[in-house]
Protein backbone atom coordinates (compact mmCIF):
# COMPACT_ATOMS: atom_id res chain seq x y z
CA UNK A 1 8.57 15.45 62.48
CA UNK A 2 11.53 13.99 60.64
CA UNK A 3 14.86 15.81 60.42
CA UNK A 4 14.49 16.08 56.65
CA UNK A 5 11.07 17.68 56.95
CA UNK A 6 12.33 20.06 59.64
CA UNK A 7 15.28 21.07 57.47
CA UNK A 8 12.99 21.71 54.51
CA UNK A 9 10.69 23.90 56.63
CA UNK A 10 13.68 25.81 58.03
CA UNK A 11 14.97 26.56 54.53
CA UNK A 12 11.51 27.73 53.47
CA UNK A 13 11.33 30.08 56.48
CA UNK A 14 14.76 31.49 55.64
CA UNK A 15 13.64 32.10 52.06
CA UNK A 16 10.48 33.89 53.22
CA UNK A 17 12.56 36.07 55.54
CA UNK A 18 14.86 37.03 52.66
CA UNK A 19 11.84 37.76 50.47
CA UNK A 20 10.37 40.02 53.16
CA UNK A 21 13.62 41.99 53.33
CA UNK A 22 13.75 42.30 49.54
CA UNK A 23 10.13 43.47 49.39
CA UNK A 24 10.78 46.10 52.08
CA UNK A 25 13.88 47.32 50.23
CA UNK A 26 11.93 47.53 46.98
CA UNK A 27 9.11 49.44 48.67
CA UNK A 28 11.70 51.87 50.03
CA UNK A 29 12.91 52.58 46.49
CA UNK A 30 15.93 50.27 46.32
CA UNK A 31 16.58 49.29 42.70
CA UNK A 32 18.62 46.16 43.35
CA UNK A 33 21.23 44.77 40.97
CA UNK A 34 20.95 43.69 37.36
CA UNK A 35 21.37 40.01 36.49
CA UNK A 36 24.62 40.49 34.49
CA UNK A 37 26.23 42.21 37.49
CA UNK A 38 25.17 39.40 39.83
CA UNK A 39 26.39 36.71 37.42
CA UNK A 40 29.76 38.45 37.08
CA UNK A 41 30.16 38.41 40.85
CA UNK A 42 29.15 34.74 41.08
CA UNK A 43 31.68 33.77 38.38
CA UNK A 44 34.41 35.69 40.21
CA UNK A 45 33.59 33.91 43.48
CA UNK A 46 33.66 30.50 41.74
CA UNK A 47 37.00 31.27 40.05
CA UNK A 48 38.56 32.39 43.32
CA UNK A 49 37.24 29.34 45.24
CA UNK A 50 39.16 26.85 43.11
């Protein structure tokens, strides 16, 4: 297996793990965050990185 293919599979596994956590949180009643709140945080992080 090539390194590129291995890397792609690893990223897919990490994504599935994150999805499993999110699904468990949702099943437990967690509401999550609204998109505008997430975008505000991302913009703040980008501004502070530069």
